Amino acid sequence: MLANYHTHTVRCHHAQGSEREYIEEAIKKGFKILGFSDHVPQPYPATYTSGCRMAMTDLPDYVNTLLALKEEYKKDITLYIGFEAEYSIKYFDKLIKELSSYPIDYLIQGQHFVPDEVEGFYAGAKTDDVSRLKDYVNCTIEGMETGLFSYLAHPDVINFTGDREIYKEEMAKVVETANRLNLPLEVNMYGFTDNRHYPSDTFFTLASELGAKFVLGCDAHNPKMMLRPEDIPGFNAFLEKNNIKTGDNMITLNPVK
């Protein structure tokens, strides 16, 4: 594992550590590529304040800080500037217009909310509601179809507790879309170390059987989470059990233009 593209900063209000600390830890661990992908600011109404992402006014500082560090560390590690972004019909076009004025190297899709944070539901909350599962699948696929994302983060974030056959039938649509678009699916290392409901054996067994491509994501919210598979007890066994192969973990990035 020579690359990690899923790294946060304090601007999202639930991460710790400076960008420099993440970079130094990545170099120490032998990474050759480090991508920062903090939770994207969203052009929400002025009356709504998100507690889990930076504000639009933080954009210049985020980009300029990383541009300076990219130059400073260019002999030691390759740095990329990105965002973890939700797709939403209501806000996505306005978001992309705003981001396109900055030198953004890539976006990863992390569909935490459906259809959006202001008016929708949190995908990680337990539910046995089939309509919510279907809404997550449809919203995620619509985002993937934009062609603006470099991979799908924690594709199994939807915390569906209902019928497993219905779950597999719906989630197969996500995997099949990813295959058609040549879009890697992320095995989320933070979820594994934090004993969350993802990464899920059910999902990744299905994804492997359908021939998906995979990428590992540290989803680092503090510098010590810059981990490699061998650093996490049981993680390599999870990969092997689900026939997940990622090679050097380097992927092709899709710049935001």
C-alpha atoms as a PDB file:
ATOM      1  CA  MET A   1       0.000   0.000   0.000  1.00  0.00           C
ATOM      2  CA  LEU A   2       1.823   3.060  -1.311  1.00  0.00           C
ATOM      3  CA  ALA A   3      -1.090   5.509  -1.521  1.00  0.00           C
ATOM      4  CA  ASN A   4      -3.944   6.820   0.621  1.00  0.00           C
ATOM      5  CA  TYR A   5      -6.485   9.250  -0.806  1.00  0.00           C
ATOM      6  CA  HIS A   6      -8.832   9.555   2.212  1.00  0.00           C
ATOM      7  CA  THR A   7      -7.500  12.068   4.756  1.00  0.00           C
ATOM      8  CA  HIS A   8      -9.315  14.764   6.751  1.00  0.00           C
ATOM      9  CA  THR A   9      -8.348  18.008   8.487  1.00  0.00           C
ATOM     10  CA  VAL A  10      -9.551  19.918  11.544  1.00  0.00           C
ATOM     11  CA  ARG A  11     -11.802  22.047   9.337  1.00  0.00           C
ATOM     12  CA  CYS A  12     -14.479  19.336   9.393  1.00  0.00           C
ATOM     13  CA  HIS A  13     -14.870  19.829  13.184  1.00  0.00           C
ATOM     14  CA  HIS A  14     -14.371  16.141  14.039  1.00  0.00           C
ATOM     15  CA  ALA A  15     -10.712  15.531  13.118  1.00  0.00           C
ATOM     16  CA  GLN A  16      -7.472  16.346  14.946  1.00  0.00           C
ATOM     17  CA  GLY A  17      -3.916  17.241  13.983  1.00  0.00           C
ATOM     18  CA  SER A  18      -2.235  19.497  11.473  1.00  0.00           C
ATOM     19  CA  GLU A  19      -1.741  18.711   7.809  1.00  0.00           C
ATOM     20  CA  ARG A  20       1.994  18.557   8.461  1.00  0.00           C
ATOM     21  CA  GLU A  21       1.477  15.862  11.105  1.00  0.00           C
ATOM     22  CA  TYR A  22      -0.500  13.722   8.652  1.00  0.00           C
ATOM     23  CA  ILE A  23       2.204  14.168   6.018  1.00  0.00           C
ATOM     24  CA  GLU A  24       5.045  13.318   8.373  1.00  0.00           C
ATOM     25  CA  GLU A  25       3.221  10.197   9.569  1.00  0.00           C
ATOM     26  CA  ALA A  26       2.516   9.129   5.978  1.00  0.00           C
ATOM     27  CA  ILE A  27       6.203   9.483   5.091  1.00  0.00           C
ATOM     28  CA  LYS A  28       7.164   7.550   8.221  1.00  0.00           C
ATOM     29  CA  LYS A  29       4.806   4.733   7.188  1.00  0.00           C
ATOM     30  CA  GLY A  30       6.301   4.568   3.690  1.00  0.00           C
ATOM     31  CA  PHE A  31       3.480   6.109   1.673  1.00  0.00           C
ATOM     32  CA  LYS A  32       4.492   7.616  -1.668  1.00  0.00           C
ATOM     33  CA  ILE A  33       1.156   9.365  -2.302  1.00  0.00           C
ATOM     34  CA  LEU A  34      -1.096  11.161   0.171  1.00  0.00           C
ATOM     35  CA  GLY A  35      -4.392  12.708  -0.830  1.00  0.00           C
ATOM     36  CA  PHE A  36      -6.288  15.082   1.424  1.00  0.00           C
ATOM     37  CA  SER A  37     -10.041  14.735   0.992  1.00  0.00           C
ATOM     38  CA  ASP A  38     -11.739  16.632   3.777  1.00  0.00           C
ATOM     39  CA  HIS A  39     -15.534  16.822   3.931  1.00  0.00           C
ATOM     40  CA  VAL A  40     -16.533  19.230   1.211  1.00  0.00           C
ATOM     41  CA  PRO A  41     -18.244  22.510   2.082  1.00  0.00           C
ATOM     42  CA  GLN A  42     -21.755  22.610   0.694  1.00  0.00           C
ATOM     43  CA  PRO A  43     -23.689  25.605  -0.629  1.00  0.00           C
ATOM     44  CA  TYR A  44     -26.468  25.079   1.886  1.00  0.00           C
ATOM     45  CA  PRO A  45     -28.949  27.837   2.796  1.00  0.00           C
ATOM     46  CA  ALA A  46     -27.543  30.550   5.064  1.00  0.00           C
ATOM     47  CA  THR A  47     -29.984  29.426   7.740  1.00  0.00           C
ATOM     48  CA  TYR A  48     -28.336  25.969   7.982  1.00  0.00           C
ATOM     49  CA  THR A  49     -24.924  25.330   9.571  1.00  0.00           C
ATOM     50  CA  SER A  50     -23.314  21.914   9.218  1.00  0.00           C
ATOM     51  CA  GLY A  51     -21.320  20.554  12.130  1.00  0.00           C
ATOM     52  CA  CYS A  52     -19.431  17.972  10.077  1.00  0.00           C
ATOM     53  CA  ARG A  53     -17.777  19.930   7.265  1.00  0.00           C
ATOM     54  CA  MET A  54     -15.831  23.081   6.546  1.00  0.00           C
ATOM     55  CA  ALA A  55     -17.582  26.286   5.528  1.00  0.00           C
ATOM     56  CA  MET A  56     -17.261  27.766   2.061  1.00  0.00           C
ATOM     57  CA  THR A  57     -15.122  30.495   3.604  1.00  0.00           C
ATOM     58  CA  ASP A  58     -12.561  27.812   4.591  1.00  0.00           C
ATOM     59  CA  LEU A  59     -11.920  26.807   0.987  1.00  0.00           C
ATOM     60  CA  PRO A  60      -9.081  29.237   0.212  1.00  0.00           C
ATOM     61  CA  ASP A  61      -7.146  28.360   3.382  1.00  0.00           C
ATOM     62  CA  TYR A  62      -7.592  24.609   2.782  1.00  0.00           C
ATOM     63  CA  VAL A  63      -6.299  24.817  -0.791  1.00  0.00           C
ATOM     64  CA  ASN A  64      -3.503  27.327  -0.138  1.00  0.00           C
ATOM     65  CA  THR A  65      -2.212  25.409   2.887  1.00  0.00           C
ATOM     66  CA  LEU A  66      -2.011  22.197   0.868  1.00  0.00           C
ATOM     67  CA  LEU A  67      -0.452  23.904  -2.160  1.00  0.00           C
ATOM     68  CA  ALA A  68       2.345  25.228   0.041  1.00  0.00           C
ATOM     69  CA  LEU A  69       2.907  21.825   1.657  1.00  0.00           C
ATOM     70  CA  LYS A  70       2.804  20.097  -1.727  1.00  0.00           C
ATOM     71  CA  GLU A  71       5.745  22.247  -2.820  1.00  0.00           C
ATOM     72  CA  GLU A  72       7.583  21.884   0.485  1.00  0.00           C
ATOM     73  CA  TYR A  73       7.383  18.078   0.543  1.00  0.00           C
ATOM     74  CA  LYS A  74       7.663  17.388  -3.196  1.00  0.00           C
ATOM     75  CA  LYS A  75      10.941  15.476  -2.779  1.00  0.00           C
ATOM     76  CA  ASP A  76       9.492  13.239  -0.058  1.00  0.00           C
ATOM     77  CA  ILE A  77       5.902  12.480  -1.045  1.00  0.00           C
ATOM     78  CA  THR A  78       3.331  13.346  -3.720  1.00  0.00           C
ATOM     79  CA  LEU A  79       0.413  15.306  -2.275  1.00  0.00           C
ATOM     80  CA  TYR A  80      -3.007  15.717  -3.869  1.00  0.00           C
ATOM     81  CA  ILE A  81      -5.812  18.123  -2.972  1.00  0.00           C
ATOM     82  CA  GLY A  82      -9.294  16.654  -2.952  1.00  0.00           C
ATOM     83  CA  PHE A  83     -12.612  16.426  -1.146  1.00  0.00           C
ATOM     84  CA  GLU A  84     -14.986  13.775   0.107  1.00  0.00           C
ATOM     85  CA  ALA A  85     -18.301  14.923  -1.288  1.00  0.00           C
ATOM     86  CA  GLU A  86     -21.932  13.891  -1.181  1.00  0.00           C
ATOM     87  CA  TYR A  87     -23.923  13.988  -4.367  1.00  0.00           C
ATOM     88  CA  SER A  88     -27.243  15.819  -4.114  1.00  0.00           C
ATOM     89  CA  ILE A  89     -29.519  16.913  -6.910  1.00  0.00           C
ATOM     90  CA  LYS A  90     -30.250  20.203  -5.173  1.00  0.00           C
ATOM     91  CA  TYR A  91     -26.693  21.404  -4.444  1.00  0.00           C
ATOM     92  CA  PHE A  92     -24.224  19.486  -6.607  1.00  0.00           C
ATOM     93  CA  ASP A  93     -24.053  21.720  -9.691  1.00  0.00           C
ATOM     94  CA  LYS A  94     -23.543  24.823  -7.550  1.00  0.00           C
ATOM     95  CA  LEU A  95     -20.843  23.008  -5.566  1.00  0.00           C
ATOM     96  CA  ILE A  96     -18.916  21.945  -8.666  1.00  0.00           C
ATOM     97  CA  LYS A  97     -19.088  25.468 -10.078  1.00  0.00           C
ATOM     98  CA  GLU A  98     -17.522  26.764  -6.846  1.00  0.00           C
ATOM     99  CA  LEU A  99     -14.816  24.068  -6.696  1.00  0.00           C
ATOM    100  CA  SER A 100     -13.868  24.468 -10.349  1.00  0.00           C
ATOM    101  CA  SER A 101     -12.214  27.806  -9.595  1.00  0.00           C
ATOM    102  CA  TYR A 102      -9.637  25.997  -7.411  1.00  0.00           C
ATOM    103  CA  PRO A 103      -6.897  23.514  -8.373  1.00  0.00           C
ATOM    104  CA  ILE A 104      -8.723  20.436  -7.067  1.00  0.00           C
ATOM    105  CA  ASP A 105      -7.110  17.137  -8.043  1.00  0.00           C
ATOM    106  CA  TYR A 106     -10.022  14.811  -7.294  1.00  0.00           C
ATOM    107  CA  LEU A 107     -13.274  14.076  -5.493  1.00  0.00           C
ATOM    108  CA  ILE A 108     -14.306  10.903  -3.723  1.00  0.00           C
ATOM    109  CA  GLN A 109     -17.994  10.200  -3.223  1.00  0.00           C
ATOM    110  CA  GLY A 110     -19.014   9.552   0.368  1.00  0.00           C
ATOM    111  CA  GLN A 111     -22.807   9.418   0.429  1.00  0.00           C
ATOM    112  CA  HIS A 112     -23.406  10.108   4.130  1.00  0.00           C
ATOM    113  CA  PHE A 113     -26.763  11.815   3.567  1.00  0.00           C
ATOM    114  CA  VAL A 114     -29.685  11.099   1.240  1.00  0.00           C
ATOM    115  CA  PRO A 115     -30.728  13.166  -0.622  1.00  0.00           C
ATOM    116  CA  ASP A 116     -28.800  15.819   1.337  1.00  0.00           C
ATOM    117  CA  GLU A 117     -27.869  16.835   4.865  1.00  0.00           C
ATOM    118  CA  VAL A 118     -30.505  19.566   5.171  1.00  0.00           C
ATOM    119  CA  GLU A 119     -33.621  17.645   4.154  1.00  0.00           C
ATOM    120  CA  GLY A 120     -32.589  13.994   4.151  1.00  0.00           C
ATOM    121  CA  PHE A 121     -31.465  11.152   6.408  1.00  0.00           C
ATOM    122  CA  TYR A 122     -28.068   9.973   7.628  1.00  0.00           C
ATOM    123  CA  ALA A 123     -27.159   6.751   5.827  1.00  0.00           C
ATOM    124  CA  GLY A 124     -25.208   5.380   8.802  1.00  0.00           C
ATOM    125  CA  ALA A 125     -28.264   5.250  11.077  1.00  0.00           C
ATOM    126  CA  LYS A 126     -29.814   1.793  11.488  1.00  0.00           C
ATOM    127  CA  THR A 127     -32.884   1.246   9.366  1.00  0.00           C
ATOM    128  CA  ASP A 128     -34.953  -1.662   8.081  1.00  0.00           C
ATOM    129  CA  ASP A 129     -36.860   0.652   5.743  1.00  0.00           C
ATOM    130  CA  VAL A 130     -36.459  -0.710   2.209  1.00  0.00           C
ATOM    131  CA  SER A 131     -37.386   2.659   0.727  1.00  0.00           C
ATOM    132  CA  ARG A 132     -34.378   4.241   2.472  1.00  0.00           C
ATOM    133  CA  LEU A 133     -32.086   1.519   1.130  1.00  0.00           C
ATOM    134  CA  LYS A 134     -33.396   2.121  -2.377  1.00  0.00           C
ATOM    135  CA  ASP A 135     -33.069   5.894  -1.984  1.00  0.00           C
ATOM    136  CA  TYR A 136     -29.425   5.452  -0.926  1.00  0.00           C
ATOM    137  CA  VAL A 137     -28.714   3.194  -3.899  1.00  0.00           C
ATOM    138  CA  ASN A 138     -30.403   5.503  -6.401  1.00  0.00           C
ATOM    139  CA  CYS A 139     -28.748   8.660  -5.055  1.00  0.00           C
ATOM    140  CA  THR A 140     -25.328   6.992  -4.961  1.00  0.00           C
ATOM    141  CA  ILE A 141     -25.665   5.717  -8.523  1.00  0.00           C
ATOM    142  CA  GLU A 142     -26.794   9.133  -9.761  1.00  0.00           C
ATOM    143  CA  GLY A 143     -23.657  10.629  -8.214  1.00  0.00           C
ATOM    144  CA  MET A 144     -21.419   7.969  -9.733  1.00  0.00           C
ATOM    145  CA  GLU A 145     -22.965   8.631 -13.138  1.00  0.00           C
ATOM    146  CA  THR A 146     -21.754  12.259 -13.093  1.00  0.00           C
ATOM    147  CA  GLY A 147     -18.255  10.975 -13.886  1.00  0.00           C
ATOM    148  CA  LEU A 148     -16.750  13.493 -11.445  1.00  0.00           C
ATOM    149  CA  PHE A 149     -15.705  11.081  -8.709  1.00  0.00           C
ATOM    150  CA  SER A 150     -12.460   9.085  -8.587  1.00  0.00           C
ATOM    151  CA  TYR A 151     -13.887   6.387  -6.318  1.00  0.00           C
ATOM    152  CA  LEU A 152     -16.786   5.531  -4.024  1.00  0.00           C
ATOM    153  CA  ALA A 153     -15.872   5.805  -0.339  1.00  0.00           C
ATOM    154  CA  HIS A 154     -17.401   3.339   2.165  1.00  0.00           C
ATOM    155  CA  PRO A 155     -19.989   2.129  -0.368  1.00  0.00           C
ATOM    156  CA  ASP A 156     -21.592   0.052   2.397  1.00  0.00           C
ATOM    157  CA  VAL A 157     -22.198   2.996   4.751  1.00  0.00           C
ATOM    158  CA  ILE A 158     -25.948   2.426   4.458  1.00  0.00           C
ATOM    159  CA  ASN A 159     -26.822   0.659   7.718  1.00  0.00           C
ATOM    160  CA  PHE A 160     -29.673  -1.529   6.506  1.00  0.00           C
ATOM    161  CA  THR A 161     -30.787  -4.116   9.072  1.00  0.00           C
ATOM    162  CA  GLY A 162     -33.607  -5.660   7.059  1.00  0.00           C
ATOM    163  CA  ASP A 163     -33.749  -8.639   4.696  1.00  0.00           C
ATOM    164  CA  ARG A 164     -30.245  -9.620   3.472  1.00  0.00           C
ATOM    165  CA  GLU A 165     -31.494 -10.758   0.060  1.00  0.00           C
ATOM    166  CA  ILE A 166     -33.152  -7.399  -0.571  1.00  0.00           C
ATOM    167  CA  TYR A 167     -29.924  -5.707   0.590  1.00  0.00           C
ATOM    168  CA  LYS A 168     -27.820  -7.729  -1.847  1.00  0.00           C
ATOM    169  CA  GLU A 169     -30.253  -7.189  -4.709  1.00  0.00           C
ATOM    170  CA  GLU A 170     -30.147  -3.406  -4.252  1.00  0.00           C
ATOM    171  CA  MET A 171     -26.422  -3.086  -3.494  1.00  0.00           C
ATOM    172  CA  ALA A 172     -25.582  -5.182  -6.551  1.00  0.00           C
ATOM    173  CA  LYS A 173     -26.832  -2.208  -8.569  1.00  0.00           C
ATOM    174  CA  VAL A 174     -24.128  -0.021  -6.978  1.00  0.00           C
ATOM    175  CA  VAL A 175     -21.421  -2.592  -7.729  1.00  0.00           C
ATOM    176  CA  GLU A 176     -22.574  -3.098 -11.311  1.00  0.00           C
ATOM    177  CA  THR A 177     -22.563   0.668 -11.906  1.00  0.00           C
ATOM    178  CA  ALA A 178     -19.051   0.916 -10.447  1.00  0.00           C
ATOM    179  CA  ASN A 179     -17.890  -1.876 -12.750  1.00  0.00           C
ATOM    180  CA  ARG A 180     -19.404  -0.204 -15.801  1.00  0.00           C
ATOM    181  CA  LEU A 181     -17.774   3.128 -14.904  1.00  0.00           C
ATOM    182  CA  ASN A 182     -14.451   1.500 -13.876  1.00  0.00           C
ATOM    183  CA  LEU A 183     -14.848   3.131 -10.459  1.00  0.00           C
ATOM    184  CA  PRO A 184     -13.062   1.546  -7.479  1.00  0.00           C
ATOM    185  CA  LEU A 185     -14.963   0.764  -4.291  1.00  0.00           C
ATOM    186  CA  GLU A 186     -13.280   1.699  -1.023  1.00  0.00           C
ATOM    187  CA  VAL A 187     -12.570  -0.694   1.821  1.00  0.00           C
ATOM    188  CA  ASN A 188     -12.760   1.762   4.704  1.00  0.00           C
ATOM    189  CA  MET A 189      -9.999   1.133   7.244  1.00  0.00           C
ATOM    190  CA  TYR A 190     -11.401   3.563   9.833  1.00  0.00           C
ATOM    191  CA  GLY A 191     -14.668   1.672   9.882  1.00  0.00           C
ATOM    192  CA  PHE A 192     -12.764  -1.552  10.518  1.00  0.00           C
ATOM    193  CA  THR A 193     -10.617  -0.192  13.360  1.00  0.00           C
ATOM    194  CA  ASP A 194     -13.647   1.522  14.939  1.00  0.00           C
ATOM    195  CA  ASN A 195     -15.771  -1.662  14.769  1.00  0.00           C
ATOM    196  CA  ARG A 196     -18.459   0.036  12.696  1.00  0.00           C
ATOM    197  CA  HIS A 197     -21.020  -1.773  10.539  1.00  0.00           C
ATOM    198  CA  TYR A 198     -18.702  -1.237   7.584  1.00  0.00           C
ATOM    199  CA  PRO A 199     -16.697  -2.628   5.899  1.00  0.00           C
ATOM    200  CA  SER A 200     -19.308  -5.363   5.621  1.00  0.00           C
ATOM    201  CA  ASP A 201     -18.623  -8.997   4.769  1.00  0.00           C
ATOM    202  CA  THR A 202     -21.998  -9.217   3.065  1.00  0.00           C
ATOM    203  CA  PHE A 203     -21.255  -6.286   0.780  1.00  0.00           C
ATOM    204  CA  PHE A 204     -17.652  -7.142  -0.046  1.00  0.00           C
ATOM    205  CA  THR A 205     -18.381 -10.815  -0.675  1.00  0.00           C
ATOM    206  CA  LEU A 206     -20.996  -9.625  -3.164  1.00  0.00           C
ATOM    207  CA  ALA A 207     -18.682  -7.017  -4.695  1.00  0.00           C
ATOM    208  CA  SER A 208     -15.895  -9.573  -5.149  1.00  0.00           C
ATOM    209  CA  GLU A 209     -18.241 -12.064  -6.770  1.00  0.00           C
ATOM    210  CA  LEU A 210     -19.343  -9.353  -9.222  1.00  0.00           C
ATOM    211  CA  GLY A 211     -15.727  -8.496 -10.134  1.00  0.00           C
ATOM    212  CA  ALA A 212     -15.411  -5.038  -8.562  1.00  0.00           C
ATOM    213  CA  LYS A 213     -12.199  -3.029  -8.328  1.00  0.00           C
ATOM    214  CA  PHE A 214     -11.104  -1.965  -4.853  1.00  0.00           C
ATOM    215  CA  VAL A 215      -9.089   0.740  -3.118  1.00  0.00           C
ATOM    216  CA  LEU A 216      -8.107   1.012   0.552  1.00  0.00           C
ATOM    217  CA  GLY A 217      -8.890   4.251   2.381  1.00  0.00           C
ATOM    218  CA  CYS A 218      -7.437   5.187   5.762  1.00  0.00           C
ATOM    219  CA  ASP A 219     -10.235   7.727   6.297  1.00  0.00           C
ATOM    220  CA  ALA A 220      -7.742   9.328   8.686  1.00  0.00           C
ATOM    221  CA  HIS A 221      -9.235  11.752  11.199  1.00  0.00           C
ATOM    222  CA  ASN A 222      -6.002  12.005  13.166  1.00  0.00           C
ATOM    223  CA  PRO A 223      -2.380  11.423  12.092  1.00  0.00           C
ATOM    224  CA  LYS A 224      -2.095   8.077  13.918  1.00  0.00           C
ATOM    225  CA  MET A 225      -4.796   6.723  11.623  1.00  0.00           C
ATOM    226  CA  MET A 226      -2.336   6.796   8.732  1.00  0.00           C
ATOM    227  CA  LEU A 227      -2.216   2.997   8.800  1.00  0.00           C
ATOM    228  CA  ARG A 228      -1.229   0.197   6.472  1.00  0.00           C
ATOM    229  CA  PRO A 229      -3.144  -3.126   6.340  1.00  0.00           C
ATOM    230  CA  GLU A 230      -0.521  -4.954   8.387  1.00  0.00           C
ATOM    231  CA  ASP A 231      -0.891  -2.354  11.177  1.00  0.00           C
ATOM    232  CA  ILE A 232      -4.512  -3.374  11.841  1.00  0.00           C
ATOM    233  CA  PRO A 233      -5.173  -6.701  13.567  1.00  0.00           C
ATOM    234  CA  GLY A 234      -7.487  -8.836  11.438  1.00  0.00           C
ATOM    235  CA  PHE A 235      -7.621  -6.486   8.452  1.00  0.00           C
ATOM    236  CA  ASN A 236      -5.507  -8.580   6.084  1.00  0.00           C
ATOM    237  CA  ALA A 237      -7.640 -11.581   7.026  1.00  0.00           C
ATOM    238  CA  PHE A 238     -10.756  -9.565   6.086  1.00  0.00           C
ATOM    239  CA  LEU A 239      -9.219  -8.719   2.702  1.00  0.00           C
ATOM    240  CA  GLU A 240      -8.218 -12.309   2.046  1.00  0.00           C
ATOM    241  CA  LYS A 241     -11.588 -13.714   3.116  1.00  0.00           C
ATOM    242  CA  ASN A 242     -13.362 -11.403   0.690  1.00  0.00           C
ATOM    243  CA  ASN A 243     -10.842 -11.851  -2.142  1.00  0.00           C
ATOM    244  CA  ILE A 244      -9.975  -8.136  -2.122  1.00  0.00           C
ATOM    245  CA  LYS A 245      -6.827  -7.211  -4.042  1.00  0.00           C
ATOM    246  CA  THR A 246      -5.562  -3.640  -4.335  1.00  0.00           C
ATOM    247  CA  GLY A 247      -1.940  -3.924  -5.484  1.00  0.00           C
ATOM    248  CA  ASP A 248      -0.038  -0.756  -4.583  1.00  0.00           C
ATOM    249  CA  ASN A 249      -3.380   1.041  -3.999  1.00  0.00           C
ATOM    250  CA  MET A 250      -2.645   3.733  -6.587  1.00  0.00           C
ATOM    251  CA  ILE A 251      -5.611   4.831  -8.707  1.00  0.00           C
ATOM    252  CA  THR A 252      -6.236   7.236 -11.587  1.00  0.00           C
ATOM    253  CA  LEU A 253      -7.550  10.583 -10.337  1.00  0.00           C
ATOM    254  CA  ASN A 254     -10.217  12.623 -12.091  1.00  0.00           C
ATOM    255  CA  PRO A 255      -9.482  16.366 -11.651  1.00  0.00           C
ATOM    256  CA  VAL A 256     -12.358  18.773 -11.054  1.00  0.00           C
ATOM    257  CA  LYS A 257     -12.626  21.157 -14.005  1.00  0.00           C
END
